[in-house]
Amino acid sequence: MPQVLIVEDDLRVSDFLARGLRAEGYGATVVGSAEDALPRFRAGGIDVALVDVMLPGISGMELCQQLRAECNPVPMLMLTAMGNVEDRVAGLRCGADDYLPKPFAFDELLARIEALLRRPPQLVRRDTTLVVGDLVFDRQRMAVTRGGRAIALTARELALLELLMSAPGRMLSRERILSTVWGLAADPLTNVVDVYIKRLRGKLDEPNAPSLITTVRGLGYRLEAPAEP
């Protein structure tokens, strides 16, 4: 019997989920906070977790980040009333495996749980920090610095920067960027990638110094540390 941990502080929602899952043959355990969930995760025996984003105290995203930093590989499906793109990107970038906005159909929830259970076990990467030259991306805290200077980025900018820093020196096509960061097969705004690259350059680059992000004309972009003089 697959075991599902439900981390949800709304008793009506958690009761609905638990009753529905048990009727479908799942084991369901409910906790109302991230603080109560942590020892359950660390004890093992959980096959998939449903985690509400807006929890009291430690948020669902912070819980996910902490568990991934501990290399806990339990599949996590984030549940939230916040359904805009930036929130979905932030949820996935914090280490969640899937993201389902409320309200949702119970059949869809079941299908997503089944999909997560079909995935082969994954090892969570231990490298929580990306470094390119003096640019540092702390994926656990979702914080970026350059030369020790803190850089404030939006969720979409963080997602774009993480993709570029994950493949330093490699050219990434606009299509690849759109698919990974926006989930799009085509660019409906024709220049959305270029706009966000310009924003990143404005925040990352030092005055009178070469840009970290190079344009490969007609193809895409690459990020790499400037050559030493």
C-alpha atoms as a PDB file:
ATOM      1  CA  MET A   1       0.000   0.000   0.000  1.00  0.00           C
ATOM      2  CA  PRO A   2       1.636   3.300  -1.077  1.00  0.00           C
ATOM      3  CA  GLN A   3       2.020   5.727   1.800  1.00  0.00           C
ATOM      4  CA  VAL A   4       1.091   9.377   1.271  1.00  0.00           C
ATOM      5  CA  LEU A   5       2.015  12.134   3.717  1.00  0.00           C
ATOM      6  CA  ILE A   6      -0.363  15.113   3.600  1.00  0.00           C
ATOM      7  CA  VAL A   7       1.132  18.345   4.932  1.00  0.00           C
ATOM      8  CA  GLU A   8      -1.876  20.674   5.125  1.00  0.00           C
ATOM      9  CA  ASP A   9      -3.092  23.001   7.882  1.00  0.00           C
ATOM     10  CA  ASP A  10      -6.666  23.355   6.554  1.00  0.00           C
ATOM     11  CA  LEU A  11      -8.529  20.549   8.333  1.00  0.00           C
ATOM     12  CA  ARG A  12     -11.329  20.419   5.759  1.00  0.00           C
ATOM     13  CA  VAL A  13      -8.858  19.992   2.911  1.00  0.00           C
ATOM     14  CA  SER A  14      -6.665  17.465   4.721  1.00  0.00           C
ATOM     15  CA  ASP A  15      -9.694  15.405   5.797  1.00  0.00           C
ATOM     16  CA  PHE A  16     -11.044  15.393   2.236  1.00  0.00           C
ATOM     17  CA  LEU A  17      -7.678  14.298   0.848  1.00  0.00           C
ATOM     18  CA  ALA A  18      -7.113  11.608   3.460  1.00  0.00           C
ATOM     19  CA  ARG A  19     -10.579  10.076   3.071  1.00  0.00           C
ATOM     20  CA  GLY A  20     -10.346  10.138  -0.710  1.00  0.00           C
ATOM     21  CA  LEU A  21      -6.888   8.563  -0.813  1.00  0.00           C
ATOM     22  CA  ARG A  22      -7.793   5.832   1.673  1.00  0.00           C
ATOM     23  CA  ALA A  23     -10.855   4.980  -0.415  1.00  0.00           C
ATOM     24  CA  GLU A  24      -8.482   4.541  -3.396  1.00  0.00           C
ATOM     25  CA  GLY A  25      -6.236   2.119  -1.497  1.00  0.00           C
ATOM     26  CA  TYR A  26      -3.537   4.490  -0.255  1.00  0.00           C
ATOM     27  CA  GLY A  27      -2.232   4.885   3.246  1.00  0.00           C
ATOM     28  CA  ALA A  28      -2.661   8.528   4.283  1.00  0.00           C
ATOM     29  CA  THR A  29      -1.073  10.384   7.188  1.00  0.00           C
ATOM     30  CA  VAL A  30      -1.900  14.014   7.942  1.00  0.00           C
ATOM     31  CA  VAL A  31       0.255  16.650   9.661  1.00  0.00           C
ATOM     32  CA  GLY A  32      -0.580  20.327   9.961  1.00  0.00           C
ATOM     33  CA  SER A  33       2.832  21.975   9.771  1.00  0.00           C
ATOM     34  CA  ALA A  34       6.291  21.649   8.296  1.00  0.00           C
ATOM     35  CA  GLU A  35       7.723  21.278  11.794  1.00  0.00           C
ATOM     36  CA  ASP A  36       5.560  18.174  12.333  1.00  0.00           C
ATOM     37  CA  ALA A  37       6.336  16.883   8.847  1.00  0.00           C
ATOM     38  CA  LEU A  38      10.145  16.930   9.130  1.00  0.00           C
ATOM     39  CA  PRO A  39      10.475  13.966  11.543  1.00  0.00           C
ATOM     40  CA  ARG A  40       8.011  11.985   9.399  1.00  0.00           C
ATOM     41  CA  PHE A  41      10.137  12.541   6.303  1.00  0.00           C
ATOM     42  CA  ARG A  42      13.328  11.699   8.148  1.00  0.00           C
ATOM     43  CA  ALA A  43      11.854   8.482   9.547  1.00  0.00           C
ATOM     44  CA  GLY A  44      11.243   7.169   6.008  1.00  0.00           C
ATOM     45  CA  GLY A  45       8.413   5.018   4.705  1.00  0.00           C
ATOM     46  CA  ILE A  46       6.777   7.792   2.665  1.00  0.00           C
ATOM     47  CA  ASP A  47       6.166   7.111  -1.020  1.00  0.00           C
ATOM     48  CA  VAL A  48       4.844  10.555  -1.987  1.00  0.00           C
ATOM     49  CA  ALA A  49       4.020  13.788  -0.152  1.00  0.00           C
ATOM     50  CA  LEU A  50       1.302  16.378  -0.776  1.00  0.00           C
ATOM     51  CA  VAL A  51       2.569  19.679   0.607  1.00  0.00           C
ATOM     52  CA  ASP A  52       0.571  22.886   0.930  1.00  0.00           C
ATOM     53  CA  VAL A  53       2.626  25.987   0.155  1.00  0.00           C
ATOM     54  CA  MET A  54       0.987  28.318   2.714  1.00  0.00           C
ATOM     55  CA  LEU A  55       1.761  26.553   5.981  1.00  0.00           C
ATOM     56  CA  PRO A  56       2.045  28.212   9.400  1.00  0.00           C
ATOM     57  CA  GLY A  57       5.664  28.849  10.393  1.00  0.00           C
ATOM     58  CA  ILE A  58       7.945  27.179   7.845  1.00  0.00           C
ATOM     59  CA  SER A  59       6.339  27.376   4.395  1.00  0.00           C
ATOM     60  CA  GLY A  60       5.891  24.423   2.085  1.00  0.00           C
ATOM     61  CA  MET A  61       8.614  25.746  -0.223  1.00  0.00           C
ATOM     62  CA  GLU A  62      11.045  26.162   2.671  1.00  0.00           C
ATOM     63  CA  LEU A  63      10.217  22.618   3.818  1.00  0.00           C
ATOM     64  CA  CYS A  64      10.941  21.317   0.328  1.00  0.00           C
ATOM     65  CA  GLN A  65      14.232  23.224   0.126  1.00  0.00           C
ATOM     66  CA  GLN A  66      15.335  21.880   3.511  1.00  0.00           C
ATOM     67  CA  LEU A  67      14.536  18.280   2.614  1.00  0.00           C
ATOM     68  CA  ARG A  68      16.310  18.522  -0.736  1.00  0.00           C
ATOM     69  CA  ALA A  69      19.331  20.027   1.005  1.00  0.00           C
ATOM     70  CA  GLU A  70      19.305  16.916   3.224  1.00  0.00           C
ATOM     71  CA  CYS A  71      19.158  14.785   0.042  1.00  0.00           C
ATOM     72  CA  ASN A  72      15.704  13.439   0.881  1.00  0.00           C
ATOM     73  CA  PRO A  73      14.319  12.085  -2.424  1.00  0.00           C
ATOM     74  CA  VAL A  74      10.618  11.658  -1.493  1.00  0.00           C
ATOM     75  CA  PRO A  75       8.489  12.852  -4.453  1.00  0.00           C
ATOM     76  CA  MET A  76       6.629  16.047  -3.515  1.00  0.00           C
ATOM     77  CA  LEU A  77       3.495  17.467  -5.060  1.00  0.00           C
ATOM     78  CA  MET A  78       2.951  21.098  -4.030  1.00  0.00           C
ATOM     79  CA  LEU A  79      -0.651  22.238  -3.484  1.00  0.00           C
ATOM     80  CA  THR A  80      -1.459  25.928  -3.451  1.00  0.00           C
ATOM     81  CA  ALA A  81      -4.129  28.523  -4.062  1.00  0.00           C
ATOM     82  CA  MET A  82      -1.479  30.630  -5.831  1.00  0.00           C
ATOM     83  CA  GLY A  83      -1.673  29.572  -9.440  1.00  0.00           C
ATOM     84  CA  ASN A  84       0.309  32.151 -11.402  1.00  0.00           C
ATOM     85  CA  VAL A  85       3.365  31.207 -13.427  1.00  0.00           C
ATOM     86  CA  GLU A  86       5.893  32.775 -11.056  1.00  0.00           C
ATOM     87  CA  ASP A  87       4.568  30.733  -8.127  1.00  0.00           C
ATOM     88  CA  ARG A  88       4.652  27.515 -10.132  1.00  0.00           C
ATOM     89  CA  VAL A  89       8.231  28.199 -11.223  1.00  0.00           C
ATOM     90  CA  ALA A  90       9.285  28.994  -7.653  1.00  0.00           C
ATOM     91  CA  GLY A  91       7.655  25.798  -6.381  1.00  0.00           C
ATOM     92  CA  LEU A  92       9.392  23.611  -8.930  1.00  0.00           C
ATOM     93  CA  ARG A  93      12.731  25.352  -8.513  1.00  0.00           C
ATOM     94  CA  CYS A  94      12.693  24.759  -4.761  1.00  0.00           C
ATOM     95  CA  GLY A  95      12.821  21.025  -5.448  1.00  0.00           C
ATOM     96  CA  ALA A  96       9.181  19.995  -5.833  1.00  0.00           C
ATOM     97  CA  ASP A  97       8.385  17.303  -8.405  1.00  0.00           C
ATOM     98  CA  ASP A  98       4.977  18.642  -9.437  1.00  0.00           C
ATOM     99  CA  TYR A  99       2.677  21.563  -8.707  1.00  0.00           C
ATOM    100  CA  LEU A 100      -1.139  21.570  -8.568  1.00  0.00           C
ATOM    101  CA  PRO A 101      -3.123  24.816  -8.086  1.00  0.00           C
ATOM    102  CA  LYS A 102      -6.273  24.771  -5.944  1.00  0.00           C
ATOM    103  CA  PRO A 103      -9.073  24.062  -6.562  1.00  0.00           C
ATOM    104  CA  PHE A 104      -8.322  20.819  -8.394  1.00  0.00           C
ATOM    105  CA  ALA A 105     -10.228  17.748  -9.486  1.00  0.00           C
ATOM    106  CA  PHE A 106      -9.536  14.724  -7.286  1.00  0.00           C
ATOM    107  CA  ASP A 107      -9.083  12.535 -10.371  1.00  0.00           C
ATOM    108  CA  GLU A 108      -6.289  14.826 -11.552  1.00  0.00           C
ATOM    109  CA  LEU A 109      -4.626  14.615  -8.145  1.00  0.00           C
ATOM    110  CA  LEU A 110      -4.756  10.809  -8.320  1.00  0.00           C
ATOM    111  CA  ALA A 111      -3.270  10.837 -11.817  1.00  0.00           C
ATOM    112  CA  ARG A 112      -0.389  13.034 -10.691  1.00  0.00           C
ATOM    113  CA  ILE A 113       0.292  10.841  -7.658  1.00  0.00           C
ATOM    114  CA  GLU A 114       0.302   7.752  -9.888  1.00  0.00           C
ATOM    115  CA  ALA A 115       2.747   9.465 -12.264  1.00  0.00           C
ATOM    116  CA  LEU A 116       5.093  10.297  -9.390  1.00  0.00           C
ATOM    117  CA  LEU A 117       4.953   6.734  -8.089  1.00  0.00           C
ATOM    118  CA  ARG A 118       5.863   5.386 -11.544  1.00  0.00           C
ATOM    119  CA  ARG A 119       9.078   7.388 -11.652  1.00  0.00           C
ATOM    120  CA  PRO A 120      12.263   5.474 -10.853  1.00  0.00           C
ATOM    121  CA  PRO A 121      13.884   6.499  -7.573  1.00  0.00           C
ATOM    122  CA  GLN A 122      16.053   9.564  -7.966  1.00  0.00           C
ATOM    123  CA  LEU A 123      19.073  10.656  -6.009  1.00  0.00           C
ATOM    124  CA  VAL A 124      18.868  14.293  -4.986  1.00  0.00           C
ATOM    125  CA  ARG A 125      21.917  16.200  -6.077  1.00  0.00           C
ATOM    126  CA  ARG A 126      24.160  17.285  -3.235  1.00  0.00           C
ATOM    127  CA  ASP A 127      25.488  20.281  -5.115  1.00  0.00           C
ATOM    128  CA  THR A 128      23.160  23.032  -3.954  1.00  0.00           C
ATOM    129  CA  THR A 129      25.415  25.838  -5.184  1.00  0.00           C
ATOM    130  CA  LEU A 130      26.235  26.835  -8.755  1.00  0.00           C
ATOM    131  CA  VAL A 131      29.397  28.868  -9.303  1.00  0.00           C
ATOM    132  CA  VAL A 132      30.588  30.565 -12.501  1.00  0.00           C
ATOM    133  CA  GLY A 133      33.521  32.896 -11.895  1.00  0.00           C
ATOM    134  CA  ASP A 134      32.486  35.203  -9.054  1.00  0.00           C
ATOM    135  CA  LEU A 135      28.776  34.552  -9.678  1.00  0.00           C
ATOM    136  CA  VAL A 136      27.236  32.264  -7.044  1.00  0.00           C
ATOM    137  CA  PHE A 137      23.705  30.784  -7.050  1.00  0.00           C
ATOM    138  CA  ASP A 138      22.702  29.185  -3.734  1.00  0.00           C
ATOM    139  CA  ARG A 139      19.836  26.916  -4.776  1.00  0.00           C
ATOM    140  CA  GLN A 140      18.938  26.053  -1.207  1.00  0.00           C
ATOM    141  CA  ARG A 141      18.252  29.682  -0.302  1.00  0.00           C
ATOM    142  CA  MET A 142      17.437  30.787  -3.870  1.00  0.00           C
ATOM    143  CA  ALA A 143      19.988  33.573  -3.405  1.00  0.00           C
ATOM    144  CA  VAL A 144      22.421  35.025  -5.955  1.00  0.00           C
ATOM    145  CA  THR A 145      25.599  37.006  -5.338  1.00  0.00           C
ATOM    146  CA  ARG A 146      28.355  38.331  -7.557  1.00  0.00           C
ATOM    147  CA  GLY A 147      31.659  39.211  -5.947  1.00  0.00           C
ATOM    148  CA  GLY A 148      29.850  39.081  -2.608  1.00  0.00           C
ATOM    149  CA  ARG A 149      27.184  41.555  -3.782  1.00  0.00           C
ATOM    150  CA  ALA A 150      23.618  40.301  -3.266  1.00  0.00           C
ATOM    151  CA  ILE A 151      21.464  40.413  -6.403  1.00  0.00           C
ATOM    152  CA  ALA A 152      17.660  40.479  -6.142  1.00  0.00           C
ATOM    153  CA  LEU A 153      15.948  38.455  -8.875  1.00  0.00           C
ATOM    154  CA  THR A 154      12.359  37.529  -9.633  1.00  0.00           C
ATOM    155  CA  ALA A 155      11.285  33.881  -9.715  1.00  0.00           C
ATOM    156  CA  ARG A 156      11.430  33.843 -13.526  1.00  0.00           C
ATOM    157  CA  GLU A 157      14.867  35.469 -13.569  1.00  0.00           C
ATOM    158  CA  LEU A 158      16.087  32.903 -11.037  1.00  0.00           C
ATOM    159  CA  ALA A 159      14.797  30.070 -13.208  1.00  0.00           C
ATOM    160  CA  LEU A 160      16.502  31.504 -16.294  1.00  0.00           C
ATOM    161  CA  LEU A 161      19.782  32.096 -14.471  1.00  0.00           C
ATOM    162  CA  GLU A 162      19.777  28.596 -12.975  1.00  0.00           C
ATOM    163  CA  LEU A 163      19.355  27.086 -16.435  1.00  0.00           C
ATOM    164  CA  LEU A 164      22.242  29.129 -17.859  1.00  0.00           C
ATOM    165  CA  MET A 165      24.530  28.435 -14.896  1.00  0.00           C
ATOM    166  CA  SER A 166      23.779  24.706 -15.037  1.00  0.00           C
ATOM    167  CA  ALA A 167      25.525  24.542 -18.411  1.00  0.00           C
ATOM    168  CA  PRO A 168      28.343  27.135 -18.270  1.00  0.00           C
ATOM    169  CA  GLY A 169      29.937  27.815 -21.638  1.00  0.00           C
ATOM    170  CA  ARG A 170      27.261  25.882 -23.523  1.00  0.00           C
ATOM    171  CA  MET A 171      24.987  27.633 -26.006  1.00  0.00           C
ATOM    172  CA  LEU A 172      21.315  27.262 -25.113  1.00  0.00           C
ATOM    173  CA  SER A 173      18.803  27.912 -27.860  1.00  0.00           C
ATOM    174  CA  ARG A 174      15.837  30.215 -27.369  1.00  0.00           C
ATOM    175  CA  GLU A 175      13.589  27.186 -27.881  1.00  0.00           C
ATOM    176  CA  ARG A 176      15.333  25.293 -25.076  1.00  0.00           C
ATOM    177  CA  ILE A 177      15.050  28.297 -22.773  1.00  0.00           C
ATOM    178  CA  LEU A 178      11.368  28.799 -23.575  1.00  0.00           C
ATOM    179  CA  SER A 179      10.582  25.136 -23.007  1.00  0.00           C
ATOM    180  CA  THR A 180      12.445  24.898 -19.700  1.00  0.00           C
ATOM    181  CA  VAL A 181      11.680  28.258 -18.098  1.00  0.00           C
ATOM    182  CA  TRP A 182       8.281  29.115 -19.582  1.00  0.00           C
ATOM    183  CA  GLY A 183       6.986  25.663 -20.523  1.00  0.00           C
ATOM    184  CA  LEU A 184       6.309  26.907 -24.051  1.00  0.00           C
ATOM    185  CA  ALA A 185       7.009  25.327 -27.420  1.00  0.00           C
ATOM    186  CA  ALA A 186       6.914  28.701 -29.182  1.00  0.00           C
ATOM    187  CA  ASP A 187       7.394  32.321 -28.164  1.00  0.00           C
ATOM    188  CA  PRO A 188       3.996  34.106 -28.175  1.00  0.00           C
ATOM    189  CA  LEU A 189       5.638  37.464 -27.428  1.00  0.00           C
ATOM    190  CA  THR A 190       8.422  36.996 -30.023  1.00  0.00           C
ATOM    191  CA  ASN A 191      11.106  38.504 -27.755  1.00  0.00           C
ATOM    192  CA  VAL A 192      10.333  37.419 -24.176  1.00  0.00           C
ATOM    193  CA  VAL A 193      13.650  35.529 -23.860  1.00  0.00           C
ATOM    194  CA  ASP A 194      15.608  38.557 -25.113  1.00  0.00           C
ATOM    195  CA  VAL A 195      13.780  40.815 -22.654  1.00  0.00           C
ATOM    196  CA  TYR A 196      14.672  38.606 -19.688  1.00  0.00           C
ATOM    197  CA  ILE A 197      18.269  38.194 -20.829  1.00  0.00           C
ATOM    198  CA  LYS A 198      18.537  41.994 -20.920  1.00  0.00           C
ATOM    199  CA  ARG A 199      17.124  42.161 -17.384  1.00  0.00           C
ATOM    200  CA  LEU A 200      19.657  39.623 -16.139  1.00  0.00           C
ATOM    201  CA  ARG A 201      22.535  41.474 -17.760  1.00  0.00           C
ATOM    202  CA  GLY A 202      21.408  44.702 -16.127  1.00  0.00           C
ATOM    203  CA  LYS A 203      21.468  43.061 -12.701  1.00  0.00           C
ATOM    204  CA  LEU A 204      24.504  40.788 -13.040  1.00  0.00           C
ATOM    205  CA  ASP A 205      27.047  42.702 -15.085  1.00  0.00           C
ATOM    206  CA  GLU A 206      29.655  45.041 -13.679  1.00  0.00           C
ATOM    207  CA  PRO A 207      30.090  48.546 -15.186  1.00  0.00           C
ATOM    208  CA  ASN A 208      32.588  48.734 -18.056  1.00  0.00           C
ATOM    209  CA  ALA A 209      33.177  44.971 -17.956  1.00  0.00           C
ATOM    210  CA  PRO A 210      32.268  42.190 -20.444  1.00  0.00           C
ATOM    211  CA  SER A 211      28.849  40.622 -19.920  1.00  0.00           C
ATOM    212  CA  LEU A 212      28.624  37.163 -18.391  1.00  0.00           C
ATOM    213  CA  ILE A 213      25.930  36.297 -20.951  1.00  0.00           C
ATOM    214  CA  THR A 214      26.972  36.130 -24.586  1.00  0.00           C
ATOM    215  CA  THR A 215      24.550  36.266 -27.509  1.00  0.00           C
ATOM    216  CA  VAL A 216      25.089  33.611 -30.171  1.00  0.00           C
ATOM    217  CA  ARG A 217      23.512  35.491 -33.052  1.00  0.00           C
ATOM    218  CA  GLY A 218      20.431  33.822 -34.457  1.00  0.00           C
ATOM    219  CA  LEU A 219      20.762  30.829 -32.135  1.00  0.00           C
ATOM    220  CA  GLY A 220      20.659  31.579 -28.419  1.00  0.00           C
ATOM    221  CA  TYR A 221      22.764  32.470 -25.398  1.00  0.00           C
ATOM    222  CA  ARG A 222      25.595  31.162 -23.258  1.00  0.00           C
ATOM    223  CA  LEU A 223      26.835  32.154 -19.795  1.00  0.00           C
ATOM    224  CA  GLU A 224      30.497  31.903 -18.874  1.00  0.00           C
ATOM    225  CA  ALA A 225      33.039  33.675 -16.723  1.00  0.00           C
ATOM    226  CA  PRO A 226      35.001  36.420 -18.519  1.00  0.00           C
ATOM    227  CA  ALA A 227      38.472  35.370 -19.655  1.00  0.00           C
ATOM    228  CA  GLU A 228      41.262  36.412 -17.342  1.00  0.00           C
ATOM    229  CA  PRO A 229      43.193  39.448 -18.672  1.00  0.00           C
END
